[in-house]
Protein backbone atom coordinates (compact mmCIF):
# COMPACT_ATOMS: atom_id res chain seq x y z
CA UNK A 1 -38.22 22.33 17.79
CA UNK A 2 -40.33 19.02 18.81
CA UNK A 3 -38.94 15.85 19.75
CA UNK A 4 -38.96 14.66 16.70
CA UNK A 5 -37.33 16.89 14.39
CA UNK A 6 -34.18 16.28 16.15
CA UNK A 7 -33.14 13.23 14.92
CA UNK A 8 -34.84 14.72 11.24
CA UNK A 9 -32.41 17.76 11.87
CA UNK A 10 -29.26 15.77 12.84
CA UNK A 11 -29.71 13.09 9.69
CA UNK A 12 -30.08 16.29 7.41
CA UNK A 13 -26.59 17.77 8.94
CA UNK A 14 -24.23 14.16 9.10
CA UNK A 15 -25.64 13.75 4.97
CA UNK A 16 -24.13 17.20 4.45
CA UNK A 17 -21.63 16.73 6.14
CA UNK A 18 -20.84 13.49 4.44
CA UNK A 19 -21.44 15.32 0.45
CA UNK A 20 -19.49 18.26 1.37
CA UNK A 21 -16.32 17.38 3.55
CA UNK A 22 -15.62 13.79 3.24
CA UNK A 23 -14.66 14.55 -0.50
CA UNK A 24 -12.02 16.61 -0.01
CA UNK A 25 -10.84 14.13 3.16
CA UNK A 26 -10.82 11.22 0.88
CA UNK A 27 -8.44 12.92 -1.51
CA UNK A 28 -6.08 14.40 0.89
CA UNK A 29 -5.86 10.96 2.31
CA UNK A 30 -5.03 9.53 -0.96
CA UNK A 31 -2.18 11.94 -1.56
CA UNK A 32 -0.76 11.26 2.26
CA UNK A 33 -0.44 8.01 0.64
CA UNK A 34 0.65 8.40 -1.69
CA UNK A 35 3.43 11.25 -1.14
CA UNK A 36 4.71 8.39 1.84
CA UNK A 37 5.04 5.90 -0.32
CA UNK A 38 6.20 7.08 -3.41
CA UNK A 39 9.86 6.87 -2.25
CA UNK A 40 9.79 2.41 -2.70
CA UNK A 41 9.73 3.43 -6.63
CA UNK A 42 13.07 5.47 -7.20
CA UNK A 43 15.11 3.44 -5.26
CA UNK A 44 17.37 2.31 -8.55
CA UNK A 45 17.52 5.45 -8.91
CA UNK A 46 18.51 7.17 -6.07
CA UNK A 47 21.36 3.87 -5.08
CA UNK A 48 22.48 5.23 -8.48
CA UNK A 49 22.96 8.98 -8.54
CA UNK A 50 22.96 9.70 -5.59
CA UNK A 51 24.83 6.76 -4.14
CA UNK A 52 22.06 5.46 -1.50
CA UNK A 53 22.31 1.96 -0.58
CA UNK A 54 19.26 -0.53 -0.04
CA UNK A 55 20.74 -0.50 3.58
CA UNK A 56 20.70 3.56 3.38
CA UNK A 57 17.03 3.20 1.29
CA UNK A 58 15.17 1.33 4.33
CA UNK A 59 16.60 2.78 6.83
CA UNK A 60 15.43 6.23 5.52
CA UNK A 61 11.99 4.63 4.27
CA UNK A 62 11.70 3.64 8.17
CA UNK A 63 12.85 7.12 9.87
CA UNK A 64 9.70 8.85 8.03
CA UNK A 65 7.50 6.65 10.77
CA UNK A 66 9.83 7.57 14.08
CA UNK A 67 9.51 11.30 13.19
CA UNK A 68 5.72 10.47 12.49
CA UNK A 69 6.08 8.50 16.07
CA UNK A 70 7.52 11.61 18.28
CA UNK A 71 4.69 14.43 16.78
CA UNK A 72 1.74 12.53 16.25
CA UNK A 73 0.56 13.51 19.98
CA UNK A 74 1.67 16.88 19.69
CA UNK A 75 0.26 17.51 16.64
CA UNK A 76 -3.23 16.25 17.81
CA UNK A 77 -3.56 18.81 20.92
CA UNK A 78 -2.81 21.74 18.44
CA UNK A 79 -5.16 20.27 16.28
CA UNK A 80 -7.64 20.72 19.31
CA UNK A 81 -6.05 24.80 19.76
CA UNK A 82 -5.93 25.71 16.31
CA UNK A 83 -8.91 23.70 14.07
CA UNK A 84 -8.90 21.38 11.89
CA UNK A 85 -9.62 23.75 8.44
CA UNK A 86 -6.30 25.74 9.92
CA UNK A 87 -4.19 22.58 11.34
CA UNK A 88 -5.02 19.51 8.42
CA UNK A 89 -4.13 22.04 6.26
CA UNK A 90 -1.20 23.34 7.73
CA UNK A 91 -0.08 19.64 7.71
CA UNK A 92 -0.93 18.80 3.58
CA UNK A 93 0.99 22.28 2.09
CA UNK A 94 4.05 21.53 4.86
CA UNK A 95 4.62 17.92 3.57
CA UNK A 96 4.26 18.52 0.21
CA UNK A 97 6.28 21.73 0.83
CA UNK A 98 8.79 18.25 1.84
CA UNK A 99 8.49 16.32 -0.74
CA UNK A 100 9.04 19.22 -3.37
CA UNK A 101 13.11 19.56 -1.37
CA UNK A 102 13.07 15.52 -1.98
CA UNK A 103 14.11 16.53 -5.60
CA UNK A 104 16.64 18.68 -4.61
CA UNK A 105 18.12 15.44 -2.56
CA UNK A 106 22.22 14.69 -3.70
CA UNK A 107 23.71 13.08 -0.87
CA UNK A 108 22.78 9.96 1.98
CA UNK A 109 22.24 12.17 4.36
CA UNK A 110 19.60 14.41 2.75
CA UNK A 111 17.19 11.28 1.76
CA UNK A 112 17.97 10.78 5.77
CA UNK A 113 16.78 14.46 6.74
CA UNK A 114 13.89 14.82 4.45
CA UNK A 115 11.90 11.94 5.50
CA UNK A 116 12.00 12.23 9.23
CA UNK A 117 11.02 15.36 8.01
CA UNK A 118 8.32 14.09 6.12
CA UNK A 119 6.71 12.23 9.20
CA UNK A 120 7.45 15.48 10.96
CA UNK A 121 5.10 16.98 8.35
CA UNK A 122 2.63 14.04 7.78
CA UNK A 123 2.34 13.49 11.59
CA UNK A 124 -1.31 13.85 13.21
CA UNK A 125 -2.80 13.99 9.60
CA UNK A 126 -5.06 10.87 9.92
CA UNK A 127 -5.47 10.52 14.39
CA UNK A 128 -7.00 13.91 13.05
CA UNK A 129 -9.04 13.85 10.97
CA UNK A 130 -10.32 10.95 13.33
CA UNK A 131 -10.41 13.61 15.86
CA UNK A 132 -12.32 16.00 13.51
CA UNK A 133 -14.89 12.96 12.83
CA UNK A 134 -16.13 13.10 16.51
CA UNK A 135 -16.16 17.26 16.12
CA UNK A 136 -18.62 16.70 13.57
CA UNK A 137 -20.31 13.38 14.52
CA UNK A 138 -22.30 11.58 16.94
CA UNK A 139 -21.14 7.91 17.29
CA UNK A 140 -23.82 6.47 15.51
CA UNK A 141 -22.69 7.34 12.07
CA UNK A 142 -19.13 8.49 12.56
CA UNK A 143 -18.27 4.48 11.95
CA UNK A 144 -20.16 4.72 8.31
CA UNK A 145 -17.50 8.37 8.21
CA UNK A 146 -14.27 6.38 9.15
CA UNK A 147 -15.86 3.40 7.11
CA UNK A 148 -15.21 5.27 3.93
CA UNK A 149 -12.17 7.55 4.45
CA UNK A 150 -10.36 4.11 5.57
CA UNK A 151 -11.10 3.17 1.51
CA UNK A 152 -9.77 5.92 0.31
CA UNK A 153 -6.61 4.28 2.24
CA UNK A 154 -7.24 1.72 0.53
CA UNK A 155 -7.61 2.76 -3.32
CA UNK A 156 -4.08 4.88 -2.63
CA UNK A 157 -1.83 1.52 -2.96
CA UNK A 158 -4.02 1.25 -6.34
CA UNK A 159 -3.30 4.04 -8.36
CA UNK A 160 0.34 4.83 -6.92
CA UNK A 161 2.05 3.29 -8.99
CA UNK A 162 0.58 3.89 -12.62
CA UNK A 163 0.66 8.38 -11.42
CA UNK A 164 4.08 7.55 -9.92
CA UNK A 165 5.43 5.22 -12.90
CA UNK A 166 4.08 7.68 -15.19
CA UNK A 167 5.82 10.30 -13.72
CA UNK A 168 9.05 9.01 -14.24
CA UNK A 169 8.42 8.45 -17.78
CA UNK A 170 9.35 12.14 -17.26
CA UNK A 171 13.13 11.21 -17.71
CA UNK A 172 15.46 13.36 -18.94
CA UNK A 173 12.69 15.93 -19.76
CA UNK A 174 15.15 19.94 -19.43
CA UNK A 175 17.61 17.16 -18.33
CA UNK A 176 15.81 16.87 -15.55
CA UNK A 177 16.02 12.94 -13.64
CA UNK A 178 12.63 10.96 -13.96
CA UNK A 179 12.85 10.62 -9.58
CA UNK A 180 12.96 14.91 -8.94
CA UNK A 181 9.65 14.98 -11.69
CA UNK A 182 7.84 12.66 -9.64
CA UNK A 183 8.67 14.18 -6.12
CA UNK A 184 8.36 18.07 -8.10
CA UNK A 185 5.53 17.19 -9.53
CA UNK A 186 3.55 15.16 -7.15
CA UNK A 187 4.34 17.35 -3.69
CA UNK A 188 3.28 20.66 -6.08
CA UNK A 189 0.40 18.52 -6.57
CA UNK A 190 -0.35 18.15 -2.52
CA UNK A 191 0.08 21.74 -1.61
CA UNK A 192 -2.52 22.35 -4.24
CA UNK A 193 -4.54 19.70 -2.68
CA UNK A 194 -4.13 21.64 0.77
CA UNK A 195 -4.92 25.56 -0.32
CA UNK A 196 -7.75 23.91 -1.55
CA UNK A 197 -8.62 21.85 1.34
CA UNK A 198 -8.27 25.45 3.62
CA UNK A 199 -11.36 26.83 1.36
CA UNK A 200 -13.76 23.69 2.02
CA UNK A 201 -12.76 22.23 5.57
CA UNK A 202 -15.38 23.83 8.74
CA UNK A 203 -14.53 24.06 12.39
CA UNK A 204 -16.75 23.76 13.97
CA UNK A 205 -20.44 23.03 13.42
CA UNK A 206 -21.46 26.73 14.07
CA UNK A 207 -19.79 27.93 11.42
CA UNK A 208 -21.01 26.00 9.00
CA UNK A 209 -22.58 28.50 6.24
CA UNK A 210 -24.50 25.36 4.31
CA UNK A 211 -26.10 23.96 7.46
CA UNK A 212 -29.70 25.47 8.74
CA UNK A 213 -29.42 26.86 12.50
CA UNK A 214 -32.04 24.46 12.79
CA UNK A 215 -29.11 21.67 12.11
CA UNK A 216 -26.58 23.46 13.30
CA UNK A 217 -28.17 22.88 17.01
CA UNK A 218 -29.30 19.76 16.25
CA UNK A 219 -25.99 18.07 15.37
CA UNK A 220 -24.19 19.95 18.26
CA UNK A 221 -26.24 18.69 20.66
CA UNK A 222 -26.14 15.17 19.93
CA UNK A 223 -22.69 15.62 19.71
CA UNK A 224 -22.23 17.13 22.74
CA UNK A 225 -23.93 14.33 24.48
CA UNK A 226 -21.56 12.00 23.14
CA UNK A 227 -18.80 14.10 24.33
CA UNK A 228 -19.78 14.00 28.08
CA UNK A 229 -20.49 10.56 27.81
CA UNK A 230 -16.78 10.27 26.62
CA UNK A 231 -15.54 12.72 29.26
CA UNK A 232 -16.55 9.64 32.37
CA UNK A 233 -14.47 7.02 30.98
CA UNK A 234 -12.16 6.45 33.64
CA UNK A 235 -8.60 7.25 32.03
CA UNK A 236 -5.82 4.37 32.75
CA UNK A 237 -2.59 4.73 32.57
CA UNK A 238 0.42 3.73 29.66
CA UNK A 239 2.38 2.20 31.58
CA UNK A 240 -0.18 0.22 33.33
CA UNK A 241 -1.62 -0.64 29.95
CA UNK A 242 1.53 -1.74 28.51
CA UNK A 243 1.49 -5.04 30.80
CA UNK A 244 -1.60 -5.21 30.90
CA UNK A 245 -1.89 -9.00 29.17
CA UNK A 246 -3.59 -8.38 26.21
CA UNK A 247 -3.16 -5.12 24.93
CA UNK A 248 0.77 -6.66 24.80
CA UNK A 249 -0.69 -9.91 22.79
CA UNK A 250 -2.68 -7.24 20.67
CA UNK A 251 0.39 -5.74 20.16
CA UNK A 252 2.63 -8.25 18.88
CA UNK A 253 -0.29 -9.08 16.18
CA UNK A 254 -0.40 -5.74 14.99
CA UNK A 255 4.02 -5.15 15.08
CA UNK A 256 3.72 -8.57 13.03
CA UNK A 257 1.09 -7.39 10.57
CA UNK A 258 2.49 -3.91 10.66
CA UNK A 259 5.90 -5.83 9.12
CA UNK A 260 4.48 -7.60 6.40
CA UNK A 261 2.36 -4.17 5.13
CA UNK A 262 5.54 -1.78 4.86
CA UNK A 263 7.77 -3.90 3.82
CA UNK A 264 5.55 -4.75 0.69
CA UNK A 265 4.87 -1.43 0.34
CA UNK A 266 8.12 0.03 0.17
CA UNK A 267 9.86 -3.27 -1.92
CA UNK A 268 6.79 -3.95 -4.07
CA UNK A 269 8.51 -1.91 -7.32
CA UNK A 270 11.83 -2.65 -6.72
CA UNK A 271 11.01 -6.43 -6.23
CA UNK A 272 8.90 -6.23 -9.67
CA UNK A 273 11.82 -4.37 -11.71
CA UNK A 274 13.71 -7.95 -11.40
CA UNK A 275 11.22 -9.06 -14.09
CA UNK A 276 13.42 -7.17 -16.30
CA UNK A 277 12.73 -5.51 -19.69
CA UNK A 278 9.54 -3.30 -18.47
CA UNK A 279 9.21 0.78 -17.89
CA UNK A 280 8.88 2.57 -14.54
CA UNK A 281 4.47 2.94 -16.17
CA UNK A 282 4.50 -0.88 -16.44
CA UNK A 283 6.15 -1.45 -13.55
CA UNK A 284 3.80 0.87 -11.52
CA UNK A 285 0.74 -0.83 -13.13
CA UNK A 286 2.38 -4.42 -12.17
CA UNK A 287 2.35 -3.10 -8.66
CA UNK A 288 -0.81 -2.16 -8.30
CA UNK A 289 -2.02 -5.70 -9.38
CA UNK A 290 -1.43 -6.91 -5.65
CA UNK A 291 -3.58 -3.94 -4.03
CA UNK A 292 -6.47 -4.36 -6.02
CA UNK A 293 -6.81 -8.24 -5.43
CA UNK A 294 -5.91 -7.11 -1.90
CA UNK A 295 -8.67 -4.53 -2.08
CA UNK A 296 -11.78 -6.76 -3.59
CA UNK A 297 -10.57 -9.70 -0.82
CA UNK A 298 -10.76 -7.52 2.03
CA UNK A 299 -14.34 -5.84 1.70
CA UNK A 300 -15.57 -9.84 0.61
CA UNK A 301 -14.10 -10.86 3.86
CA UNK A 302 -15.65 -7.83 5.38
CA UNK A 303 -19.27 -9.04 4.03
CA UNK A 304 -18.82 -12.30 5.11
CA UNK A 305 -17.88 -11.90 8.41
CA UNK A 306 -19.26 -8.91 9.89
CA UNK A 307 -21.58 -10.87 11.30
CA UNK A 308 -19.74 -14.17 12.36
CA UNK A 309 -19.55 -14.91 16.13
CA UNK A 310 -15.10 -15.38 16.63
CA UNK A 311 -13.30 -13.95 13.77
CA UNK A 312 -9.58 -15.00 15.37
CA UNK A 313 -10.07 -18.21 13.26
CA UNK A 314 -9.95 -15.92 10.22
CA UNK A 315 -7.79 -13.73 11.52
CA UNK A 316 -5.33 -16.81 11.50
CA UNK A 317 -6.38 -17.54 8.31
CA UNK A 318 -5.59 -14.27 6.90
CA UNK A 319 -1.95 -14.71 8.94
CA UNK A 320 -1.49 -17.76 7.23
CA UNK A 321 -2.27 -16.98 3.81
CA UNK A 322 0.15 -14.29 4.67
CA UNK A 323 2.66 -16.12 5.66
CA UNK A 324 2.47 -18.32 2.62
CA UNK A 325 3.03 -14.89 0.65
CA UNK A 326 6.39 -14.16 0.94
CA UNK A 327 7.70 -17.18 2.03
CA UNK A 328 6.49 -18.16 -1.72
CA UNK A 329 7.97 -15.25 -3.20
CA UNK A 330 11.84 -16.23 -2.42
CA UNK A 331 11.36 -18.71 -5.07
CA UNK A 332 10.59 -19.28 -8.09
CA UNK A 333 10.23 -16.87 -10.84
CA UNK A 334 10.11 -12.57 -10.46
CA UNK A 335 6.84 -13.08 -12.53
CA UNK A 336 5.60 -15.97 -9.78
CA UNK A 337 7.20 -14.16 -6.78
CA UNK A 338 4.31 -11.75 -7.73
CA UNK A 339 1.88 -13.58 -7.78
CA UNK A 340 3.13 -14.81 -4.50
CA UNK A 341 3.77 -10.83 -2.70
CA UNK A 342 -0.48 -11.19 -4.07
CA UNK A 343 -1.44 -13.50 -1.70
CA UNK A 344 0.84 -11.39 1.23
CA UNK A 345 -0.89 -8.48 0.28
CA UNK A 346 -4.80 -9.94 0.93
CA UNK A 347 -3.72 -12.08 3.61
CA UNK A 348 -2.38 -8.95 5.20
CA UNK A 349 -5.03 -6.07 3.68
CA UNK A 350 -7.82 -9.42 4.73
CA UNK A 351 -5.98 -9.59 7.98
CA UNK A 352 -6.19 -5.76 9.58
CA UNK A 353 -9.63 -5.76 8.11
CA UNK A 354 -10.61 -8.43 10.68
CA UNK A 355 -8.10 -7.42 13.97
CA UNK A 356 -9.40 -4.36 14.72
CA UNK A 357 -12.81 -5.17 15.08
CA UNK A 358 -11.28 -8.92 17.38
CA UNK A 359 -9.18 -5.73 19.05
CA UNK A 360 -12.20 -3.38 20.05
CA UNK A 361 -13.99 -6.72 21.13
CA UNK A 362 -11.46 -8.10 22.89
CA UNK A 363 -10.57 -5.64 25.43
CA UNK A 364 -12.32 -4.14 29.21
CA UNK A 365 -14.86 -1.92 27.71
CA UNK A 366 -13.37 0.46 30.36
CA UNK A 367 -9.41 0.00 28.83
CA UNK A 368 -10.76 0.07 25.42
CA UNK A 369 -9.59 3.51 23.46
CA UNK A 370 -6.92 4.04 25.79
CA UNK A 371 -5.49 0.52 25.40
CA UNK A 372 -5.98 -0.50 21.16
CA UNK A 373 -4.29 4.06 20.68
CA UNK A 374 -1.33 2.14 22.48
CA UNK A 375 -1.46 -1.34 20.06
CA UNK A 376 -1.72 1.50 17.52
CA UNK A 377 1.25 3.42 17.73
CA UNK A 378 3.63 1.15 19.28
CA UNK A 379 2.75 -1.22 15.70
CA UNK A 380 2.87 0.83 13.29
CA UNK A 381 6.98 1.34 14.68
CA UNK A 382 6.83 -1.76 12.55
CA UNK A 383 7.55 0.54 9.42
CA UNK A 384 10.20 1.46 10.31
CA UNK A 385 11.93 -2.01 11.28
CA UNK A 386 10.25 -3.42 8.39
CA UNK A 387 11.56 -1.80 5.56
CA UNK A 388 14.80 -0.81 7.71
CA UNK A 389 15.49 -5.14 7.68
CA UNK A 390 15.11 -5.59 4.60
CA UNK A 391 17.27 -3.53 3.56
CA UNK A 392 20.43 -4.07 5.76
CA UNK A 393 19.82 -7.85 4.50
CA UNK A 394 19.46 -6.90 0.81
CA UNK A 395 23.10 -5.01 1.12
CA UNK A 396 24.22 -8.10 3.06
CA UNK A 397 23.04 -10.77 1.33
CA UNK A 398 22.62 -9.76 -2.08
CA UNK A 399 19.47 -10.94 -2.14
CA UNK A 400 15.69 -9.68 -0.16
CA UNK A 401 15.08 -13.27 0.57
CA UNK A 402 15.95 -13.58 3.71
CA UNK A 403 13.57 -10.30 4.43
CA UNK A 404 10.76 -11.66 3.27
CA UNK A 405 11.70 -15.34 5.02
CA UNK A 406 12.35 -12.42 8.60
CA UNK A 407 7.56 -11.51 7.78
CA UNK A 408 6.40 -14.92 6.79
CA UNK A 409 8.01 -16.26 10.53
CA UNK A 410 6.79 -12.85 12.10
CA UNK A 411 3.17 -13.63 10.44
CA UNK A 412 3.22 -17.14 11.81
CA UNK A 413 4.32 -16.07 15.57
CA UNK A 414 1.25 -13.40 15.02
CA UNK A 415 -0.83 -17.31 14.15
CA UNK A 416 0.17 -17.66 17.44
CA UNK A 417 -0.83 -14.97 19.19
CA UNK A 418 -4.03 -15.57 17.69
CA UNK A 419 -4.95 -18.36 20.34
CA UNK A 420 -4.70 -16.55 23.33
CA UNK A 421 -6.88 -12.66 22.42
CA UNK A 422 -9.68 -13.22 24.51
CA UNK A 423 -12.65 -13.81 22.56
CA UNK A 424 -16.23 -12.10 23.52
CA UNK A 425 -19.65 -11.75 22.04
CA UNK A 426 -19.50 -7.95 21.93
CA UNK A 427 -17.90 -7.58 18.96
CA UNK A 428 -20.24 -10.72 17.18
CA UNK A 429 -22.81 -8.15 17.52
CA UNK A 430 -20.76 -4.51 15.99
CA UNK A 431 -21.51 -3.45 12.50
CA UNK A 432 -19.88 -2.63 9.40
CA UNK A 433 -18.52 0.50 11.49
CA UNK A 434 -16.19 -1.43 13.74
CA UNK A 435 -13.55 -1.68 10.53
CA UNK A 436 -13.05 1.52 11.65
CA UNK A 437 -10.90 1.85 14.38
CA UNK A 438 -12.28 3.97 17.11
CA UNK A 439 -13.58 2.85 20.26
CA UNK A 440 -16.06 3.86 22.73
CA UNK A 441 -15.64 7.63 19.96
CA UNK A 442 -12.24 7.62 21.39
CA UNK A 443 -10.09 7.83 17.44
CA UNK A 444 -6.69 5.84 17.38
CA UNK A 445 -3.34 8.05 18.20
CA UNK A 446 -2.05 6.14 15.20
CA UNK A 447 -3.71 4.60 12.05
CA UNK A 448 -5.08 1.36 11.99
CA UNK A 449 -4.50 0.75 8.10
């Protein structure tokens, strides 16, 4: 095999992987996002039928992230042992089963337990897919694959509302409440997609029947070279990383971003419902508006800032928009609140797009991969704090305004934190793959979404 033939064979193999594997992985991620956030559309129903208060709802929504964090690393270890085909399929089928079980909730403790179990079941899916990419794709091709995959997360925010709202319209069919139909059908669909994925996913390059032997060898050699380079990188203990100044600053900024992102995700439907006179499907449609605007703004901003010499000013502006949106949502009518939360969602999504490339360039190469994994895993605990805090404040004050004020304050503090993030010119030389939160070929331990 000539030297010129190796890159050509590798390119063909990468193209086949993208065409055959990415569609099912994106579908799995879309369903994943829908199943973890659909509870936001049935808050009132859970309160009326099961007695789940706002505080209990917020705690239950957040308990997902505790289960997820506890089992995230072990899940990735098991994926390496059993292979992506078995393990990613297992993850999806079990989380679908938990969602189906949620249609039988009859008290608050079942709600708590099943939300925690959903986090356990889902643990490792997102980082597992990124790990799967490292087993199949060389570093030079992984950025494109990760960016396409992450697009599924953005799309999920848009379609979750209308789909879930439409299923809630089944209320009363067969004498069953609409929210029970929603959990049962969405969970069953997840199980179905999981079984379908088992027929498509291939764990090892050499097992792919749709690759020629030349393509298998070329791709295996490219992946092996990258793995060898990664294995030579020095390891750093997490204890030392926690006290690293730049890691600490980045963690604080990302934690504030996660607070806002997950608060909007879990509480937006109930805020939209305050408009009054809306059917569940209409609530779902209106809940999609902030995310449609956010996705458009996210990709527009990334286009203009990919080559920016310094992303920090743009990140500060995005965080300020998020702060302004959550603050303005406390003023005026519910319609005005929806517009304000759209502004907050735009700021939050744009901030996420800008944060990870900036964070990559701000850390020394020797600590970049483990440092960003730590930033991501700790920062995502904002997904536990924000819905829990919102629920408590709503029960104690009768309003979500206290929670929105807290989000505004957190975003303002994050703006100040951006000023302490180190800037280097390394980030300005990176391309679109920067947005994937993968450093030196290593996937993050959590979710950079």
